[in-house]
């Protein structure tokens, strides 16, 4: 335990508040900031690690297509809510992968562009005649006020400095532009992790819980996600429970697991919706969070 605590205390400062008061969280190299509660990876070279991981992911296109197919209702829900209008139709998808969301957005009338760190994904997106730049949002060097909507679907979780990412997004958003960020919900992930830990004496019961919690390079709850957006300069911020992806996109369970997990997800999402409703939106227990923030200075993107 002493070595574990020592490793945690040698962590780089919290990317949200700068504190070095950290304790181990889940499994190292993840640590929890004692000041703001953010969970983050206490190692250098995060972005290069992420790039290598996603080169492997996009090297298996069938698996990635399965994941994106399960996210399609989420994408469609957003596109049904927000519509392009004349002179306000430029959309950038950060971490666009092979471009499945870009294709849907283009079909809905958006003028689209993407950025992606994995070469394999960029090649696939360009083969589909999508304008995608290789690199992160910070290295893409996009002009100021050049987009009306910027989406980060499960991207901030995989960055070493989420505030920097959001600040860059704010710079290249036009006044009144919309930032959309979906992340895993640390509140939910922590609860699943603790449930699995409590059941560790019964491995067959604990195993499903172990496969259903996931925290990547950064773990947000609603409070730390809001603080990230506020410190990047956004003021009009709405955070809600995000619709979960359908079924078992990552094949974490065996035969029959897809339908079973879908049933569980629907029940959990319905319960999370009820808790949020009864708490006036203060208690968010969904598996993922969706943040919508507007850059001041102009009319916001049109919603339904």
Protein backbone atom coordinates (compact mmCIF):
# COMPACT_ATOMS: atom_id res chain seq x y z
CA UNK A 1 0.00 0.00 0.00
CA UNK A 2 2.85 2.40 0.76
CA UNK A 3 4.27 1.96 -2.76
CA UNK A 4 0.84 2.55 -4.26
CA UNK A 5 0.38 5.76 -2.28
CA UNK A 6 3.88 6.88 -3.22
CA UNK A 7 3.12 6.36 -6.91
CA UNK A 8 -0.05 8.36 -6.55
CA UNK A 9 1.67 11.23 -4.76
CA UNK A 10 4.26 11.44 -7.54
CA UNK A 11 1.43 12.07 -9.96
CA UNK A 12 1.42 15.10 -12.25
CA UNK A 13 -0.94 17.88 -11.10
CA UNK A 14 -4.66 17.49 -11.63
CA UNK A 15 -5.50 18.76 -15.13
CA UNK A 16 -8.62 20.46 -13.80
CA UNK A 17 -7.55 22.25 -10.60
CA UNK A 18 -3.77 21.73 -10.43
CA UNK A 19 -3.79 19.99 -7.04
CA UNK A 20 -1.29 17.24 -6.24
CA UNK A 21 -3.45 15.84 -3.41
CA UNK A 22 -4.33 12.53 -5.03
CA UNK A 23 -5.18 9.00 -3.96
CA UNK A 24 -5.40 5.75 -5.92
CA UNK A 25 -8.68 5.24 -7.77
CA UNK A 26 -9.84 1.98 -9.34
CA UNK A 27 -6.47 0.69 -10.54
CA UNK A 28 -3.24 2.61 -11.03
CA UNK A 29 -2.28 4.57 -13.05
CA UNK A 30 -5.69 6.14 -12.28
CA UNK A 31 -5.78 8.52 -9.31
CA UNK A 32 -8.46 10.72 -7.80
CA UNK A 33 -7.86 14.40 -7.06
CA UNK A 34 -8.61 15.13 -3.41
CA UNK A 35 -9.47 18.75 -4.20
CA UNK A 36 -11.96 18.54 -7.09
CA UNK A 37 -12.69 14.80 -7.41
CA UNK A 38 -11.49 14.36 -10.99
CA UNK A 39 -10.06 10.92 -11.79
CA UNK A 40 -7.14 10.93 -14.20
CA UNK A 41 -4.14 8.90 -15.34
CA UNK A 42 -0.93 9.76 -13.49
CA UNK A 43 1.43 9.01 -16.38
CA UNK A 44 3.06 11.03 -19.10
CA UNK A 45 2.66 10.29 -22.79
CA UNK A 46 -1.10 9.87 -22.60
CA UNK A 47 -1.80 11.18 -26.10
CA UNK A 48 0.71 8.89 -27.77
CA UNK A 49 -0.69 5.98 -25.80
CA UNK A 50 -4.20 6.87 -26.97
CA UNK A 51 -3.07 7.14 -30.58
CA UNK A 52 -1.52 3.67 -30.47
CA UNK A 53 -4.61 2.19 -28.82
CA UNK A 54 -6.89 3.58 -31.49
CA UNK A 55 -4.65 2.45 -34.32
CA UNK A 56 -5.34 -1.06 -33.00
CA UNK A 57 -9.07 -0.34 -32.64
CA UNK A 58 -9.43 0.93 -36.19
CA UNK A 59 -7.32 -1.92 -37.47
CA UNK A 60 -10.43 -4.06 -36.83
CA UNK A 61 -13.06 -2.17 -38.85
CA UNK A 62 -15.85 -4.69 -38.28
CA UNK A 63 -15.61 -4.27 -34.51
CA UNK A 64 -15.65 -0.48 -34.80
CA UNK A 65 -18.60 -0.56 -37.19
CA UNK A 66 -20.49 -2.62 -34.61
CA UNK A 67 -19.80 0.00 -31.94
CA UNK A 68 -20.85 2.88 -34.19
CA UNK A 69 -24.01 1.07 -35.25
CA UNK A 70 -24.98 0.77 -31.58
CA UNK A 71 -24.43 4.53 -31.17
CA UNK A 72 -26.54 5.49 -34.18
CA UNK A 73 -29.74 6.18 -32.15
CA UNK A 74 -27.71 8.57 -29.99
CA UNK A 75 -26.45 10.40 -33.06
CA UNK A 76 -29.91 10.49 -34.63
CA UNK A 77 -31.37 11.89 -31.43
CA UNK A 78 -28.91 14.80 -31.51
CA UNK A 79 -29.39 15.47 -35.23
CA UNK A 80 -33.16 15.48 -34.79
CA UNK A 81 -32.80 18.15 -32.11
CA UNK A 82 -30.34 20.49 -33.83
CA UNK A 83 -30.69 21.56 -37.45
CA UNK A 84 -28.44 23.51 -39.82
CA UNK A 85 -29.62 26.86 -41.12
CA UNK A 86 -28.25 29.20 -43.77
CA UNK A 87 -24.77 30.45 -42.86
CA UNK A 88 -24.84 28.32 -39.67
CA UNK A 89 -24.23 24.82 -40.96
CA UNK A 90 -20.55 24.03 -40.28
CA UNK A 91 -19.95 21.01 -38.02
CA UNK A 92 -16.66 19.59 -36.75
CA UNK A 93 -16.50 16.12 -35.18
CA UNK A 94 -13.40 15.69 -33.02
CA UNK A 95 -12.12 12.12 -32.79
CA UNK A 96 -14.37 11.23 -35.71
CA UNK A 97 -12.98 7.73 -36.24
CA UNK A 98 -13.98 6.35 -39.61
CA UNK A 99 -16.62 9.05 -39.97
CA UNK A 100 -19.93 7.35 -39.23
CA UNK A 101 -21.34 10.38 -37.40
CA UNK A 102 -20.05 12.71 -40.12
CA UNK A 103 -21.93 10.71 -42.75
CA UNK A 104 -25.18 11.01 -40.78
CA UNK A 105 -24.64 14.72 -40.14
CA UNK A 106 -23.97 15.35 -43.82
CA UNK A 107 -27.19 13.55 -44.71
CA UNK A 108 -28.99 15.95 -42.36
CA UNK A 109 -27.63 18.97 -44.21
CA UNK A 110 -24.50 19.83 -42.22
CA UNK A 111 -21.24 20.87 -43.89
CA UNK A 112 -18.90 18.50 -42.08
CA UNK A 113 -15.24 18.08 -41.18
CA UNK A 114 -13.48 15.74 -38.76
CA UNK A 115 -10.21 15.34 -36.88
CA UNK A 116 -8.75 11.99 -35.82
CA UNK A 117 -5.43 10.89 -34.30
CA UNK A 118 -5.42 7.35 -35.77
CA UNK A 119 -4.02 7.06 -39.30
CA UNK A 120 -6.04 3.92 -40.05
CA UNK A 121 -9.31 5.72 -39.26
CA UNK A 122 -8.35 8.79 -41.30
CA UNK A 123 -7.64 6.62 -44.33
CA UNK A 124 -11.03 4.92 -44.02
CA UNK A 125 -12.83 8.27 -43.61
CA UNK A 126 -11.09 9.78 -46.63
CA UNK A 127 -11.96 6.69 -48.66
CA UNK A 128 -15.59 7.59 -47.90
CA UNK A 129 -14.86 11.07 -49.30
CA UNK A 130 -15.02 12.76 -45.92
CA UNK A 131 -12.81 15.80 -45.13
CA UNK A 132 -10.82 14.55 -42.15
CA UNK A 133 -7.54 15.91 -40.80
CA UNK A 134 -4.98 13.72 -39.08
CA UNK A 135 -4.17 14.93 -35.58
CA UNK A 136 -5.78 16.20 -32.41
CA UNK A 137 -7.97 19.26 -32.15
CA UNK A 138 -5.03 21.23 -30.76
CA UNK A 139 -2.71 20.30 -33.65
CA UNK A 140 -5.24 20.69 -36.47
CA UNK A 141 -4.66 24.49 -36.56
CA UNK A 142 -8.19 25.44 -37.58
CA UNK A 143 -9.20 29.08 -38.07
CA UNK A 144 -10.92 31.05 -35.33
CA UNK A 145 -14.74 31.08 -35.44
CA UNK A 146 -14.80 28.56 -38.28
CA UNK A 147 -17.51 26.14 -37.01
CA UNK A 148 -21.04 26.41 -35.69
CA UNK A 149 -21.11 23.04 -33.91
CA UNK A 150 -18.24 20.99 -32.48
CA UNK A 151 -18.94 17.47 -31.24
CA UNK A 152 -16.72 15.37 -28.98
CA UNK A 153 -18.35 11.97 -28.67
CA UNK A 154 -16.42 10.21 -25.87
CA UNK A 155 -13.26 12.18 -26.61
CA UNK A 156 -12.56 14.24 -23.46
CA UNK A 157 -12.20 10.96 -21.55
CA UNK A 158 -9.15 10.19 -23.68
CA UNK A 159 -7.19 13.42 -23.30
CA UNK A 160 -4.44 14.40 -20.90
CA UNK A 161 -5.63 18.03 -20.73
CA UNK A 162 -9.40 18.31 -21.28
CA UNK A 163 -9.47 22.04 -20.49
CA UNK A 164 -7.03 22.72 -23.32
CA UNK A 165 -9.21 20.74 -25.72
CA UNK A 166 -12.30 22.70 -24.73
CA UNK A 167 -10.48 26.03 -24.93
CA UNK A 168 -9.35 25.25 -28.47
CA UNK A 169 -12.91 24.25 -29.35
CA UNK A 170 -14.20 27.55 -27.98
CA UNK A 171 -11.70 29.50 -30.06
CA UNK A 172 -12.72 27.88 -33.33
CA UNK A 173 -16.47 28.06 -32.59
CA UNK A 174 -18.35 30.96 -34.10
CA UNK A 175 -20.21 33.24 -31.66
CA UNK A 176 -23.35 31.40 -30.63
CA UNK A 177 -21.72 28.11 -31.62
CA UNK A 178 -22.53 24.87 -29.87
CA UNK A 179 -20.11 22.52 -28.08
CA UNK A 180 -21.37 18.96 -27.57
CA UNK A 181 -19.38 16.62 -25.31
CA UNK A 182 -20.33 13.10 -24.26
CA UNK A 183 -18.30 11.37 -21.55
CA UNK A 184 -18.64 8.37 -19.27
CA UNK A 185 -20.23 9.23 -15.92
CA UNK A 186 -17.82 8.61 -13.03
CA UNK A 187 -20.72 8.50 -10.57
CA UNK A 188 -22.20 5.50 -12.38
CA UNK A 189 -18.86 3.83 -13.10
CA UNK A 190 -17.83 4.10 -9.43
CA UNK A 191 -21.09 2.51 -8.29
CA UNK A 192 -20.64 -0.43 -10.67
CA UNK A 193 -17.03 -0.82 -9.57
CA UNK A 194 -18.01 -0.87 -5.89
CA UNK A 195 -20.78 -3.39 -6.54
CA UNK A 196 -18.31 -5.72 -8.22
CA UNK A 197 -15.86 -5.26 -5.36
CA UNK A 198 -18.50 -6.14 -2.78
CA UNK A 199 -19.33 -9.31 -4.71
CA UNK A 200 -15.70 -10.43 -5.16
CA UNK A 201 -16.27 -13.47 -2.93
CA UNK A 202 -18.74 -14.71 -5.55
CA UNK A 203 -16.76 -14.50 -8.81
CA UNK A 204 -19.64 -15.50 -11.07
CA UNK A 205 -21.72 -12.63 -9.72
CA UNK A 206 -18.86 -10.16 -9.71
CA UNK A 207 -17.68 -10.87 -13.27
CA UNK A 208 -20.48 -8.99 -15.11
CA UNK A 209 -19.88 -5.89 -12.97
CA UNK A 210 -16.15 -5.98 -13.68
CA UNK A 211 -16.86 -5.91 -17.41
CA UNK A 212 -19.33 -3.03 -17.27
CA UNK A 213 -17.33 -0.29 -15.58
CA UNK A 214 -14.78 1.66 -17.56
CA UNK A 215 -12.72 4.77 -16.88
CA UNK A 216 -10.20 5.81 -19.51
CA UNK A 217 -7.62 8.60 -19.12
CA UNK A 218 -10.00 11.00 -17.36
CA UNK A 219 -13.14 10.28 -15.36
CA UNK A 220 -15.79 13.02 -15.05
CA UNK A 221 -18.87 13.40 -12.95
CA UNK A 222 -21.39 16.14 -13.66
CA UNK A 223 -19.63 18.61 -11.37
CA UNK A 224 -16.13 18.19 -12.80
CA UNK A 225 -17.48 18.20 -16.36
CA UNK A 226 -19.20 21.52 -15.67
CA UNK A 227 -16.05 22.93 -14.06
CA UNK A 228 -14.02 21.92 -17.12
CA UNK A 229 -16.37 23.80 -19.44
CA UNK A 230 -16.56 26.81 -17.14
CA UNK A 231 -12.78 27.11 -16.82
CA UNK A 232 -12.51 26.98 -20.59
CA UNK A 233 -14.77 30.02 -20.78
CA UNK A 234 -18.24 28.60 -21.46
CA UNK A 235 -21.16 29.99 -19.50
CA UNK A 236 -24.38 28.53 -20.92
CA UNK A 237 -23.96 24.88 -19.97
CA UNK A 238 -26.53 22.09 -19.81
CA UNK A 239 -25.54 18.62 -18.55
CA UNK A 240 -27.92 15.68 -18.70
CA UNK A 241 -27.86 11.90 -18.65
CA UNK A 242 -26.88 10.66 -22.10
CA UNK A 243 -28.76 7.97 -23.93
CA UNK A 244 -26.67 4.77 -23.70
CA UNK A 245 -25.45 2.86 -26.72
CA UNK A 246 -27.59 -0.14 -27.65
CA UNK A 247 -26.93 -3.63 -26.32
CA UNK A 248 -23.41 -4.98 -25.87
CA UNK A 249 -21.30 -3.13 -28.47
CA UNK A 250 -17.97 -4.34 -27.07
CA UNK A 251 -19.02 -7.99 -26.67
CA UNK A 252 -18.33 -7.98 -22.94
CA UNK A 253 -20.84 -10.77 -22.29
CA UNK A 254 -21.33 -14.19 -23.82
CA UNK A 255 -24.21 -15.65 -25.79
CA UNK A 256 -27.49 -13.92 -25.07
CA UNK A 257 -25.67 -11.06 -23.39
CA UNK A 258 -26.65 -8.50 -25.99
CA UNK A 259 -30.37 -8.65 -25.28
CA UNK A 260 -29.84 -8.98 -21.53
CA UNK A 261 -27.57 -5.95 -21.39
CA UNK A 262 -29.97 -3.92 -23.52
CA UNK A 263 -32.77 -4.68 -21.07
CA UNK A 264 -30.57 -3.65 -18.14
CA UNK A 265 -29.50 -0.46 -19.91
CA UNK A 266 -33.09 0.54 -20.58
CA UNK A 267 -34.03 -0.02 -16.95
CA UNK A 268 -30.99 1.87 -15.62
CA UNK A 269 -31.55 4.76 -18.03
CA UNK A 270 -35.22 4.99 -17.06
CA UNK A 271 -34.29 5.01 -13.36
CA UNK A 272 -31.57 7.62 -13.96
CA UNK A 273 -34.09 9.77 -15.85
CA UNK A 274 -36.54 9.53 -12.94
CA UNK A 275 -33.85 10.44 -10.39
CA UNK A 276 -32.79 13.43 -12.48
CA UNK A 277 -36.41 14.55 -12.86
CA UNK A 278 -37.12 14.32 -9.14
CA UNK A 279 -33.89 16.13 -8.24
CA UNK A 280 -34.37 18.95 -10.71
CA UNK A 281 -31.43 17.68 -12.79
CA UNK A 282 -28.96 17.78 -9.89
CA UNK A 283 -28.53 14.02 -9.45
CA UNK A 284 -27.25 12.41 -12.65
CA UNK A 285 -26.75 8.64 -12.41
CA UNK A 286 -26.77 7.62 -16.07
CA UNK A 287 -23.88 5.61 -17.48
CA UNK A 288 -22.83 8.60 -19.62
CA UNK A 289 -23.25 12.37 -19.51
CA UNK A 290 -24.04 14.77 -22.33
CA UNK A 291 -22.93 18.39 -22.06
CA UNK A 292 -24.24 21.14 -24.33
CA UNK A 293 -22.49 24.53 -24.06
CA UNK A 294 -22.92 27.70 -26.09
CA UNK A 295 -20.22 30.22 -26.96
CA UNK A 296 -21.52 33.68 -26.10
CA UNK A 297 -21.85 36.39 -28.69
CA UNK A 298 -24.47 35.22 -31.16
CA UNK A 299 -27.67 33.21 -31.66
CA UNK A 300 -27.29 29.57 -30.60
CA UNK A 301 -27.64 26.66 -33.02
CA UNK A 302 -31.28 25.91 -33.66
CA UNK A 303 -32.87 23.22 -31.51
CA UNK A 304 -36.28 21.74 -31.85
